[in-house]
PDB file of N, CA and C in Angstrom:
ATOM      1  N   MET A   1       0.554  -0.956  -0.153  1.00  0.00           N
ATOM      2  CA  MET A   1       0.258  -0.303  -0.014  1.00  0.00           C
ATOM      3  C   MET A   1       0.785   1.132  -0.215  1.00  0.00           C
ATOM      4  N   ALA A   2       1.753   1.171   0.764  1.00  0.00           N
ATOM      5  CA  ALA A   2       2.906   2.207   1.005  1.00  0.00           C
ATOM      6  C   ALA A   2       3.361   2.292  -0.070  1.00  0.00           C
ATOM      7  N   GLY A   3       3.986   1.134  -1.507  1.00  0.00           N
ATOM      8  CA  GLY A   3       4.424   1.551  -2.670  1.00  0.00           C
ATOM      9  C   GLY A   3       3.606   2.303  -3.920  1.00  0.00           C
ATOM     10  N   GLN A   4       2.178   1.451  -3.457  1.00  0.00           N
ATOM     11  CA  GLN A   4       1.933   2.522  -4.176  1.00  0.00           C
ATOM     12  C   GLN A   4       1.346   3.872  -3.874  1.00  0.00           C
ATOM     13  N   SER A   5       1.466   4.386  -2.639  1.00  0.00           N
ATOM     14  CA  SER A   5       0.992   5.612  -2.617  1.00  0.00           C
ATOM     15  C   SER A   5       2.472   6.368  -3.213  1.00  0.00           C
ATOM     16  N   GLN A   6       2.710   5.861  -2.416  1.00  0.00           N
ATOM     17  CA  GLN A   6       4.546   6.609  -3.229  1.00  0.00           C
ATOM     18  C   GLN A   6       4.623   6.417  -4.898  1.00  0.00           C
ATOM     19  N   SER A   7       3.929   5.821  -5.419  1.00  0.00           N
ATOM     20  CA  SER A   7       3.504   5.548  -7.098  1.00  0.00           C
ATOM     21  C   SER A   7       3.089   6.859  -7.692  1.00  0.00           C
ATOM     22  N   TYR A   8       2.111   6.811  -7.104  1.00  0.00           N
ATOM     23  CA  TYR A   8       0.810   8.347  -7.037  1.00  0.00           C
ATOM     24  C   TYR A   8       1.433   9.166  -6.832  1.00  0.00           C
ATOM     25  N   VAL A   9       1.965   9.090  -5.716  1.00  0.00           N
ATOM     26  CA  VAL A   9       2.881  11.195  -5.348  1.00  0.00           C
ATOM     27  C   VAL A   9       3.660  11.511  -7.008  1.00  0.00           C
ATOM     28  N   SER A  10       4.991  10.257  -7.232  1.00  0.00           N
ATOM     29  CA  SER A  10       5.661  10.952  -7.783  1.00  0.00           C
ATOM     30  C   SER A  10       5.320  11.013  -9.434  1.00  0.00           C
ATOM     31  N   LYS A  11       3.975  10.378  -9.707  1.00  0.00           N
ATOM     32  CA  LYS A  11       3.179  10.497 -11.060  1.00  0.00           C
ATOM     33  C   LYS A  11       2.233  11.653 -10.522  1.00  0.00           C
ATOM     34  N   GLY A  12       2.400  11.920 -10.055  1.00  0.00           N
ATOM     35  CA  GLY A  12       2.052  14.105  -9.493  1.00  0.00           C
ATOM     36  C   GLY A  12       2.723  14.915  -9.480  1.00  0.00           C
ATOM     37  N   ALA A  13       3.336  14.486  -9.353  1.00  0.00           N
ATOM     38  CA  ALA A  13       4.790  14.928  -8.736  1.00  0.00           C
ATOM     39  C   ALA A  13       5.489  15.206 -10.672  1.00  0.00           C
ATOM     40  N   GLY A  14       5.287  14.836 -11.033  1.00  0.00           N
ATOM     41  CA  GLY A  14       5.787  14.250 -12.715  1.00  0.00           C
ATOM     42  C   GLY A  14       5.187  15.328 -13.324  1.00  0.00           C
ATOM     43  N   ALA A  15       3.636  14.800 -13.087  1.00  0.00           N
ATOM     44  CA  ALA A  15       2.391  15.805 -13.812  1.00  0.00           C
ATOM     45  C   ALA A  15       3.092  17.245 -13.712  1.00  0.00           C
ATOM     46  N   VAL A  16       2.794  17.844 -12.462  1.00  0.00           N
ATOM     47  CA  VAL A  16       3.362  19.121 -11.866  1.00  0.00           C
ATOM     48  C   VAL A  16       4.644  19.880 -12.849  1.00  0.00           C
ATOM     49  N   GLU A  17       5.346  18.776 -12.797  1.00  0.00           N
ATOM     50  CA  GLU A  17       6.287  19.186 -12.995  1.00  0.00           C
ATOM     51  C   GLU A  17       6.884  19.631 -14.638  1.00  0.00           C
ATOM     52  N   GLY A  18       5.591  18.800 -15.323  1.00  0.00           N
ATOM     53  CA  GLY A  18       5.575  18.960 -17.272  1.00  0.00           C
ATOM     54  C   GLY A  18       4.848  19.867 -16.834  1.00  0.00           C
ATOM     55  N   VAL A  19       3.751  20.351 -16.654  1.00  0.00           N
ATOM     56  CA  VAL A  19       2.538  21.431 -16.291  1.00  0.00           C
ATOM     57  C   VAL A  19       3.882  22.798 -16.158  1.00  0.00           C
ATOM     58  N   SER A  20       4.694  22.792 -15.502  1.00  0.00           N
ATOM     59  CA  SER A  20       5.864  23.783 -15.131  1.00  0.00           C
ATOM     60  C   SER A  20       6.714  24.187 -16.265  1.00  0.00           C
ATOM     61  N   ASN A  21       7.188  23.120 -16.950  1.00  0.00           N
ATOM     62  CA  ASN A  21       7.884  22.916 -17.733  1.00  0.00           C
ATOM     63  C   ASN A  21       7.051  23.449 -19.005  1.00  0.00           C
ATOM     64  N   ARG A  22       5.787  22.879 -19.025  1.00  0.00           N
ATOM     65  CA  ARG A  22       5.222  23.565 -20.448  1.00  0.00           C
ATOM     66  C   ARG A  22       4.756  25.148 -20.601  1.00  0.00           C
ATOM     67  N   THR A  23       4.694  25.529 -19.488  1.00  0.00           N
ATOM     68  CA  THR A  23       4.006  26.544 -19.111  1.00  0.00           C
ATOM     69  C   THR A  23       4.326  27.656 -17.706  1.00  0.00           C
ATOM     70  N   GLY A  24       4.617  27.398 -16.898  1.00  0.00           N
ATOM     71  CA  GLY A  24       6.088  28.206 -15.771  1.00  0.00           C
ATOM     72  C   GLY A  24       4.757  29.042 -14.794  1.00  0.00           C
ATOM     73  N   LEU A  25       3.640  28.281 -15.213  1.00  0.00           N
ATOM     74  CA  LEU A  25       2.616  28.715 -14.369  1.00  0.00           C
ATOM     75  C   LEU A  25       2.869  28.602 -12.486  1.00  0.00           C
ATOM     76  N   SER A  26       3.454  26.916 -12.315  1.00  0.00           N
ATOM     77  CA  SER A  26       3.690  26.658 -10.956  1.00  0.00           C
ATOM     78  C   SER A  26       4.529  27.103 -10.682  1.00  0.00           C
ATOM     79  N   GLU A  27       5.367  28.345 -11.263  1.00  0.00           N
ATOM     80  CA  GLU A  27       6.795  28.751 -10.882  1.00  0.00           C
ATOM     81  C   GLU A  27       6.828  30.342  -9.549  1.00  0.00           C
ATOM     82  N   ALA A  28       5.344  30.446  -9.919  1.00  0.00           N
ATOM     83  CA  ALA A  28       4.630  31.564  -9.346  1.00  0.00           C
ATOM     84  C   ALA A  28       4.999  31.783  -7.731  1.00  0.00           C
ATOM     85  N   ARG A  29       5.412  32.116  -6.948  1.00  0.00           N
ATOM     86  CA  ARG A  29       5.581  32.761  -5.474  1.00  0.00           C
ATOM     87  C   ARG A  29       4.482  32.068  -4.661  1.00  0.00           C
ATOM     88  N   ILE A  30       3.317  32.309  -5.873  1.00  0.00           N
ATOM     89  CA  ILE A  30       1.863  32.316  -4.675  1.00  0.00           C
ATOM     90  C   ILE A  30       1.713  30.346  -4.580  1.00  0.00           C
ATOM     91  N   MET A  31       1.834  30.120  -5.687  1.00  0.00           N
ATOM     92  CA  MET A  31       2.518  28.417  -6.168  1.00  0.00           C
ATOM     93  C   MET A  31       2.197  27.979  -5.154  1.00  0.00           C
ATOM     94  N   GLY A  32       3.176  28.178  -4.189  1.00  0.00           N
ATOM     95  CA  GLY A  32       3.893  27.326  -2.994  1.00  0.00           C
ATOM     96  C   GLY A  32       3.093  27.517  -1.735  1.00  0.00           C
ATOM     97  N   THR A  33       2.850  29.108  -1.429  1.00  0.00           N
ATOM     98  CA  THR A  33       1.341  28.909  -0.393  1.00  0.00           C
ATOM     99  C   THR A  33       0.501  28.394  -0.792  1.00  0.00           C
ATOM    100  N   VAL A  34      -0.582  28.182  -1.817  1.00  0.00           N
ATOM    101  CA  VAL A  34      -1.234  27.670  -2.621  1.00  0.00           C
ATOM    102  C   VAL A  34      -1.292  26.334  -1.911  1.00  0.00           C
ATOM    103  N   ARG A  35      -0.475  25.778  -2.642  1.00  0.00           N
ATOM    104  CA  ARG A  35      -0.470  23.902  -2.730  1.00  0.00           C
ATOM    105  C   ARG A  35      -0.403  23.698  -1.008  1.00  0.00           C
ATOM    106  N   VAL A  36       0.736  24.335   0.245  1.00  0.00           N
ATOM    107  CA  VAL A  36       0.551  24.261   1.799  1.00  0.00           C
ATOM    108  C   VAL A  36      -0.839  24.492   1.797  1.00  0.00           C
ATOM    109  N   ILE A  37      -1.511  25.434   1.534  1.00  0.00           N
ATOM    110  CA  ILE A  37      -3.113  25.711   1.897  1.00  0.00           C
ATOM    111  C   ILE A  37      -4.078  24.966   1.876  1.00  0.00           C
ATOM    112  N   GLY A  38      -3.388  24.677   0.166  1.00  0.00           N
ATOM    113  CA  GLY A  38      -4.675  23.516  -0.096  1.00  0.00           C
ATOM    114  C   GLY A  38      -4.092  22.053   0.198  1.00  0.00           C
ATOM    115  N   GLY A  39      -2.997  21.718   0.760  1.00  0.00           N
ATOM    116  CA  GLY A  39      -3.154  20.682   1.096  1.00  0.00           C
ATOM    117  C   GLY A  39      -3.378  20.302   2.326  1.00  0.00           C
ATOM    118  N   ALA A  40      -3.203  21.754   3.233  1.00  0.00           N
ATOM    119  CA  ALA A  40      -3.689  21.279   4.831  1.00  0.00           C
ATOM    120  C   ALA A  40      -5.224  21.186   4.632  1.00  0.00           C
ATOM    121  N   MET A  41      -5.807  21.753   3.849  1.00  0.00           N
ATOM    122  CA  MET A  41      -7.439  21.524   3.617  1.00  0.00           C
ATOM    123  C   MET A  41      -7.885  20.837   3.700  1.00  0.00           C
ATOM    124  N   ILE A  42      -7.507  19.722   2.148  1.00  0.00           N
ATOM    125  CA  ILE A  42      -7.356  18.524   2.280  1.00  0.00           C
ATOM    126  C   ILE A  42      -7.224  17.447   2.901  1.00  0.00           C
ATOM    127  N   GLY A  43      -5.997  17.646   4.106  1.00  0.00           N
ATOM    128  CA  GLY A  43      -5.470  17.290   4.931  1.00  0.00           C
ATOM    129  C   GLY A  43      -7.001  16.597   6.022  1.00  0.00           C
ATOM    130  N   ILE A  44      -6.940  18.320   6.510  1.00  0.00           N
ATOM    131  CA  ILE A  44      -8.607  18.373   7.149  1.00  0.00           C
ATOM    132  C   ILE A  44      -9.603  17.640   7.312  1.00  0.00           C
ATOM    133  N   ALA A  45     -10.300  17.365   5.948  1.00  0.00           N
ATOM    134  CA  ALA A  45     -10.944  17.022   5.211  1.00  0.00           C
ATOM    135  C   ALA A  45     -10.926  15.792   4.876  1.00  0.00           C
ATOM    136  N   ILE A  46      -9.568  14.902   4.983  1.00  0.00           N
ATOM    137  CA  ILE A  46      -9.402  13.744   5.296  1.00  0.00           C
ATOM    138  C   ILE A  46      -9.854  13.494   6.440  1.00  0.00           C
ATOM    139  N   LEU A  47      -9.016  14.172   7.591  1.00  0.00           N
ATOM    140  CA  LEU A  47      -9.210  13.647   9.390  1.00  0.00           C
ATOM    141  C   LEU A  47     -10.636  13.825   9.602  1.00  0.00           C
ATOM    142  N   ALA A  48     -11.330  14.709   9.605  1.00  0.00           N
ATOM    143  CA  ALA A  48     -13.088  14.510   9.541  1.00  0.00           C
ATOM    144  C   ALA A  48     -13.334  13.675   9.084  1.00  0.00           C
ATOM    145  N   LEU A  49     -13.202  13.536   7.795  1.00  0.00           N
ATOM    146  CA  LEU A  49     -14.052  11.989   6.883  1.00  0.00           C
ATOM    147  C   LEU A  49     -13.796  10.672   8.087  1.00  0.00           C
ATOM    148  N   VAL A  50     -12.150  10.596   8.356  1.00  0.00           N
ATOM    149  CA  VAL A  50     -12.394   9.421   9.199  1.00  0.00           C
ATOM    150  C   VAL A  50     -12.352   8.717  10.593  1.00  0.00           C
ATOM    151  N   LEU A  51     -12.281  10.636  11.017  1.00  0.00           N
ATOM    152  CA  LEU A  51     -12.974  10.509  12.204  1.00  0.00           C
ATOM    153  C   LEU A  51     -14.640  10.399  12.506  1.00  0.00           C
ATOM    154  N   THR A  52     -15.009  11.349  11.638  1.00  0.00           N
ATOM    155  CA  THR A  52     -16.401  10.334  11.467  1.00  0.00           C
ATOM    156  C   THR A  52     -16.693   9.370  11.682  1.00  0.00           C
ATOM    157  N   GLU A  53     -16.416   8.591  10.033  1.00  0.00           N
ATOM    158  CA  GLU A  53     -16.324   7.004  10.412  1.00  0.00           C
ATOM    159  C   GLU A  53     -15.776   6.375  11.547  1.00  0.00           C
ATOM    160  N   VAL A  54     -14.878   6.698  12.091  1.00  0.00           N
ATOM    161  CA  VAL A  54     -14.344   5.561  13.374  1.00  0.00           C
ATOM    162  C   VAL A  54     -15.179   5.978  14.632  1.00  0.00           C
ATOM    163  N   PHE A  55     -15.690   7.381  14.580  1.00  0.00           N
ATOM    164  CA  PHE A  55     -16.879   7.250  15.501  1.00  0.00           C
ATOM    165  C   PHE A  55     -18.191   7.032  15.137  1.00  0.00           C
ATOM    166  N   THR A  56     -19.084   6.695  14.380  1.00  0.00           N
ATOM    167  CA  THR A  56     -20.406   6.288  14.364  1.00  0.00           C
ATOM    168  C   THR A  56     -19.932   4.483  13.961  1.00  0.00           C
ATOM    169  N   LEU A  57     -18.484   4.001  14.338  1.00  0.00           N
ATOM    170  CA  LEU A  57     -19.069   2.380  14.443  1.00  0.00           C
ATOM    171  C   LEU A  57     -19.265   2.018  15.713  1.00  0.00           C
ATOM    172  N   GLU A  58     -20.032   0.739  15.639  1.00  0.00           N
ATOM    173  CA  GLU A  58     -20.489   0.628  17.504  1.00  0.00           C
ATOM    174  C   GLU A  58     -19.915   0.035  17.363  1.00  0.00           C
ATOM    175  N   ALA A  59     -18.662  -0.408  17.238  1.00  0.00           N
ATOM    176  CA  ALA A  59     -17.343  -0.455  18.781  1.00  0.00           C
ATOM    177  C   ALA A  59     -17.446   0.800  19.676  1.00  0.00           C
ATOM    178  N   MET A  60     -17.290   1.958  18.854  1.00  0.00           N
ATOM    179  CA  MET A  60     -17.404   3.116  19.578  1.00  0.00           C
ATOM    180  C   MET A  60     -18.000   3.509  20.515  1.00  0.00           C
ATOM    181  N   ASP A  61     -19.724   2.562  20.172  1.00  0.00           N
ATOM    182  CA  ASP A  61     -20.832   2.622  20.593  1.00  0.00           C
ATOM    183  C   ASP A  61     -20.956   2.843  22.418  1.00  0.00           C
ATOM    184  N   ILE A  62     -20.257   3.357  23.109  1.00  0.00           N
ATOM    185  CA  ILE A  62     -20.168   3.195  24.585  1.00  0.00           C
ATOM    186  C   ILE A  62     -20.383   3.602  25.386  1.00  0.00           C
ATOM    187  N   GLN A  63     -22.412   3.262  25.943  1.00  0.00           N
ATOM    188  CA  GLN A  63     -22.664   3.855  26.566  1.00  0.00           C
ATOM    189  C   GLN A  63     -22.516   3.993  28.597  1.00  0.00           C
ATOM    190  N   GLU A  64     -22.403   3.233  28.981  1.00  0.00           N
ATOM    191  CA  GLU A  64     -22.203   3.189  30.028  1.00  0.00           C
ATOM    192  C   GLU A  64     -21.084   1.927  30.366  1.00  0.00           C
ATOM    193  N   GLY A  65     -19.869   2.645  31.615  1.00  0.00           N
ATOM    194  CA  GLY A  65     -19.445   1.786  31.681  1.00  0.00           C
ATOM    195  C   GLY A  65     -18.386   3.286  32.064  1.00  0.00           C
ATOM    196  N   PRO A  66     -16.339   2.312  32.593  1.00  0.00           N
ATOM    197  CA  PRO A  66     -15.691   3.466  33.137  1.00  0.00           C
ATOM    198  C   PRO A  66     -15.171   4.034  31.799  1.00  0.00           C
ATOM    199  N   PHE A  67     -14.912   4.110  30.704  1.00  0.00           N
ATOM    200  CA  PHE A  67     -14.633   4.864  29.780  1.00  0.00           C
ATOM    201  C   PHE A  67     -15.115   5.249  29.245  1.00  0.00           C
ATOM    202  N   SER A  68     -16.770   5.147  29.892  1.00  0.00           N
ATOM    203  CA  SER A  68     -17.874   5.975  28.435  1.00  0.00           C
ATOM    204  C   SER A  68     -17.529   7.422  28.400  1.00  0.00           C
ATOM    205  N   GLY A  69     -17.009   8.038  29.492  1.00  0.00           N
ATOM    206  CA  GLY A  69     -16.544   9.606  29.869  1.00  0.00           C
ATOM    207  C   GLY A  69     -15.553   9.978  28.511  1.00  0.00           C
ATOM    208  N   VAL A  70     -14.584   8.752  28.194  1.00  0.00           N
ATOM    209  CA  VAL A  70     -13.464   8.621  27.840  1.00  0.00           C
ATOM    210  C   VAL A  70     -13.614   9.433  26.217  1.00  0.00           C
ATOM    211  N   VAL A  71     -14.889   8.177  25.775  1.00  0.00           N
ATOM    212  CA  VAL A  71     -15.467   8.435  24.205  1.00  0.00           C
ATOM    213  C   VAL A  71     -16.075  10.129  24.163  1.00  0.00           C
ATOM    214  N   ASP A  72     -17.178  10.173  25.328  1.00  0.00           N
ATOM    215  CA  ASP A  72     -17.215  11.544  25.132  1.00  0.00           C
ATOM    216  C   ASP A  72     -16.532  12.779  25.197  1.00  0.00           C
ATOM    217  N   SER A  73     -15.685  12.662  25.680  1.00  0.00           N
ATOM    218  CA  SER A  73     -14.420  13.457  25.734  1.00  0.00           C
ATOM    219  C   SER A  73     -13.458  14.103  24.895  1.00  0.00           C
ATOM    220  N   LEU A  74     -13.615  12.635  24.068  1.00  0.00           N
ATOM    221  CA  LEU A  74     -12.549  12.424  22.687  1.00  0.00           C
ATOM    222  C   LEU A  74     -13.474  13.375  21.582  1.00  0.00           C
ATOM    223  N   GLU A  75     -14.462  12.540  21.498  1.00  0.00           N
ATOM    224  CA  GLU A  75     -15.632  13.506  20.244  1.00  0.00           C
ATOM    225  C   GLU A  75     -15.571  14.944  20.575  1.00  0.00           C
ATOM    226  N   SER A  76     -15.632  15.600  22.066  1.00  0.00           N
ATOM    227  CA  SER A  76     -16.281  16.873  22.294  1.00  0.00           C
ATOM    228  C   SER A  76     -15.161  18.019  21.759  1.00  0.00           C
ATOM    229  N   THR A  77     -13.648  17.198  22.547  1.00  0.00           N
ATOM    230  CA  THR A  77     -12.411  17.927  22.199  1.00  0.00           C
ATOM    231  C   THR A  77     -12.095  17.731  21.224  1.00  0.00           C
ATOM    232  N   GLY A  78     -11.812  16.663  20.407  1.00  0.00           N
ATOM    233  CA  GLY A  78     -11.568  17.138  18.831  1.00  0.00           C
ATOM    234  C   GLY A  78     -11.683  17.649  18.089  1.00  0.00           C
ATOM    235  N   GLY A  79     -13.889  17.851  17.994  1.00  0.00           N
ATOM    236  CA  GLY A  79     -14.525  18.699  17.482  1.00  0.00           C
ATOM    237  C   GLY A  79     -13.728  19.891  17.114  1.00  0.00           C
ATOM    238  N   ALA A  80     -13.837  20.400  18.522  1.00  0.00           N
ATOM    239  CA  ALA A  80     -12.996  21.805  18.852  1.00  0.00           C
ATOM    240  C   ALA A  80     -11.602  21.910  18.432  1.00  0.00           C
ATOM    241  N   ALA A  81     -10.867  20.790  18.724  1.00  0.00           N
ATOM    242  CA  ALA A  81      -9.352  21.056  17.645  1.00  0.00           C
ATOM    243  C   ALA A  81      -9.257  21.171  16.208  1.00  0.00           C
ATOM    244  N   LEU A  82     -10.515  20.057  15.978  1.00  0.00           N
ATOM    245  CA  LEU A  82     -10.755  20.750  14.210  1.00  0.00           C
ATOM    246  C   LEU A  82     -10.723  22.388  13.820  1.00  0.00           C
ATOM    247  N   GLY A  83     -11.559  22.418  14.823  1.00  0.00           N
ATOM    248  CA  GLY A  83     -12.336  24.096  14.423  1.00  0.00           C
ATOM    249  C   GLY A  83     -11.102  24.669  14.827  1.00  0.00           C
ATOM    250  N   LEU A  84     -10.261  25.145  15.839  1.00  0.00           N
ATOM    251  CA  LEU A  84      -9.123  25.732  16.240  1.00  0.00           C
ATOM    252  C   LEU A  84      -7.502  25.314  14.806  1.00  0.00           C
ATOM    253  N   LEU A  85      -7.874  24.718  14.338  1.00  0.00           N
ATOM    254  CA  LEU A  85      -7.095  24.340  13.290  1.00  0.00           C
ATOM    255  C   LEU A  85      -7.144  24.370  11.959  1.00  0.00           C
ATOM    256  N   VAL A  86      -8.397  25.188  11.984  1.00  0.00           N
ATOM    257  CA  VAL A  86      -9.519  25.681  10.579  1.00  0.00           C
ATOM    258  C   VAL A  86      -9.062  27.307  10.926  1.00  0.00           C
ATOM    259  N   ILE A  87      -9.616  27.621  11.876  1.00  0.00           N
ATOM    260  CA  ILE A  87      -9.381  28.695  12.200  1.00  0.00           C
ATOM    261  C   ILE A  87      -8.144  29.567  11.986  1.00  0.00           C
ATOM    262  N   GLY A  88      -6.927  28.908  12.973  1.00  0.00           N
ATOM    263  CA  GLY A  88      -5.506  28.802  12.871  1.00  0.00           C
ATOM    264  C   GLY A  88      -4.774  28.835  11.246  1.00  0.00           C
ATOM    265  N   LEU A  89      -5.090  27.778  10.448  1.00  0.00           N
ATOM    266  CA  LEU A  89      -4.910  28.038   8.739  1.00  0.00           C
ATOM    267  C   LEU A  89      -5.142  28.845   8.226  1.00  0.00           C
ATOM    268  N   LEU A  90      -6.537  29.865   8.309  1.00  0.00           N
ATOM    269  CA  LEU A  90      -7.093  30.979   7.356  1.00  0.00           C
ATOM    270  C   LEU A  90      -6.701  32.382   7.910  1.00  0.00           C
ATOM    271  N   VAL A  91      -6.046  32.348   9.154  1.00  0.00           N
ATOM    272  CA  VAL A  91      -4.775  33.364   9.851  1.00  0.00           C
ATOM    273  C   VAL A  91      -4.017  33.492   9.552  1.00  0.00           C
ATOM    274  N   ALA A  92      -3.567  32.317   8.842  1.00  0.00           N
ATOM    275  CA  ALA A  92      -1.821  32.013   8.152  1.00  0.00           C
ATOM    276  C   ALA A  92      -2.151  32.595   6.672  1.00  0.00           C
ATOM    277  N   ALA A  93      -3.283  32.071   6.509  1.00  0.00           N
ATOM    278  CA  ALA A  93      -3.363  32.080   5.045  1.00  0.00           C
ATOM    279  C   ALA A  93      -3.312  33.447   4.619  1.00  0.00           C
ATOM    280  N   ALA A  94      -4.357  34.539   5.474  1.00  0.00           N
ATOM    281  CA  ALA A  94      -4.010  35.942   5.163  1.00  0.00           C
ATOM    282  C   ALA A  94      -2.962  36.611   5.699  1.00  0.00           C
ATOM    283  N   ASN A  95      -1.977  35.779   6.460  1.00  0.00           N
ATOM    284  CA  ASN A  95      -1.104  36.488   6.869  1.00  0.00           C
ATOM    285  C   ASN A  95      -0.087  36.594   5.558  1.00  0.00           C
ATOM    286  N   ARG A  96      -0.158  34.875   4.939  1.00  0.00           N
ATOM    287  CA  ARG A  96       0.654  34.997   3.569  1.00  0.00           C
ATOM    288  C   ARG A  96       0.573  35.923   2.561  1.00  0.00           C
ATOM    289  N   VAL A  97      -0.960  36.134   1.968  1.00  0.00           N
ATOM    290  CA  VAL A  97      -1.315  36.781   1.154  1.00  0.00           C
ATOM    291  C   VAL A  97      -1.277  38.313   1.964  1.00  0.00           C
ATOM    292  N   MET A  98      -1.723  38.579   2.667  1.00  0.00           N
ATOM    293  CA  MET A  98      -0.832  40.140   3.146  1.00  0.00           C
ATOM    294  C   MET A  98      -0.046  40.024   2.814  1.00  0.00           C
ATOM    295  N   GLY A  99       0.849  39.156   2.816  1.00  0.00           N
ATOM    296  CA  GLY A  99       2.475  39.758   2.498  1.00  0.00           C
ATOM    297  C   GLY A  99       2.843  39.613   1.127  1.00  0.00           C
ATOM    298  N   PHE A 100       2.280  39.075   0.163  1.00  0.00           N
ATOM    299  CA  PHE A 100       2.029  39.279  -1.292  1.00  0.00           C
ATOM    300  C   PHE A 100       1.939  40.518  -1.756  1.00  0.00           C
ATOM    301  N   PHE A 101       1.272  41.257  -1.239  1.00  0.00           N
ATOM    302  CA  PHE A 101       0.863  42.988  -1.314  1.00  0.00           C
ATOM    303  C   PHE A 101       1.663  43.512  -0.936  1.00  0.00           C
ATOM    304  N   GLY A 102       2.727  43.423   0.302  1.00  0.00           N
ATOM    305  CA  GLY A 102       3.138  44.460   0.556  1.00  0.00           C
ATOM    306  C   GLY A 102       3.197  44.543   2.039  1.00  0.00           C
ATOM    307  N   SER A 103       2.497  43.963   2.832  1.00  0.00           N
ATOM    308  CA  SER A 103       2.253  44.165   4.175  1.00  0.00           C
ATOM    309  C   SER A 103       2.964  42.909   4.426  1.00  0.00           C
ATOM    310  N   GLY A 104       3.962  43.260   6.088  1.00  0.00           N
ATOM    311  CA  GLY A 104       4.427  41.685   6.541  1.00  0.00           C
ATOM    312  C   GLY A 104       3.458  41.483   7.129  1.00  0.00           C
ATOM    313  N   GLY A 105       2.276  41.622   7.537  1.00  0.00           N
ATOM    314  CA  GLY A 105       1.872  40.612   8.380  1.00  0.00           C
ATOM    315  C   GLY A 105       2.057  40.802   9.906  1.00  0.00           C
ATOM    316  N   PHE A 106       2.268  39.691  10.292  1.00  0.00           N
ATOM    317  CA  PHE A 106       3.002  39.297  12.170  1.00  0.00           C
ATOM    318  C   PHE A 106       4.276  40.179  11.974  1.00  0.00           C
TER     319      PHE A 106
END
C-alpha cells in the first residue's frame, strides 16, 4: 500500500513538473502557498472524514462503564481542536496573502 501511494505521489509530482516546464505557471511565488494551504485543507477534510467514520462504528458506541466519559471527551475535544485548526489555517493564509501585497502581516 505504501509503495502504491509513493507511485501516485511521484506521478503527481511528474505531472506538476511537466505543466511547469510547458507553461511556467507553477513557478509563481504564490504557488507554494497555495499548495501548502490546499494540502492542509485536504488533510483536514480527510481527517474529519476518518474520525466521523471511526466514531460512528458500533464498537465506539460505549454508553456505560468506566470508559464512557473518555469517548465523549474525545468527541467534544476533537471537534473543538479541528475548529481551532481551521481558524489557525485561515489566519496563516491571510497573513501570507497580505505578504504578497506588501504588508508584512505579523
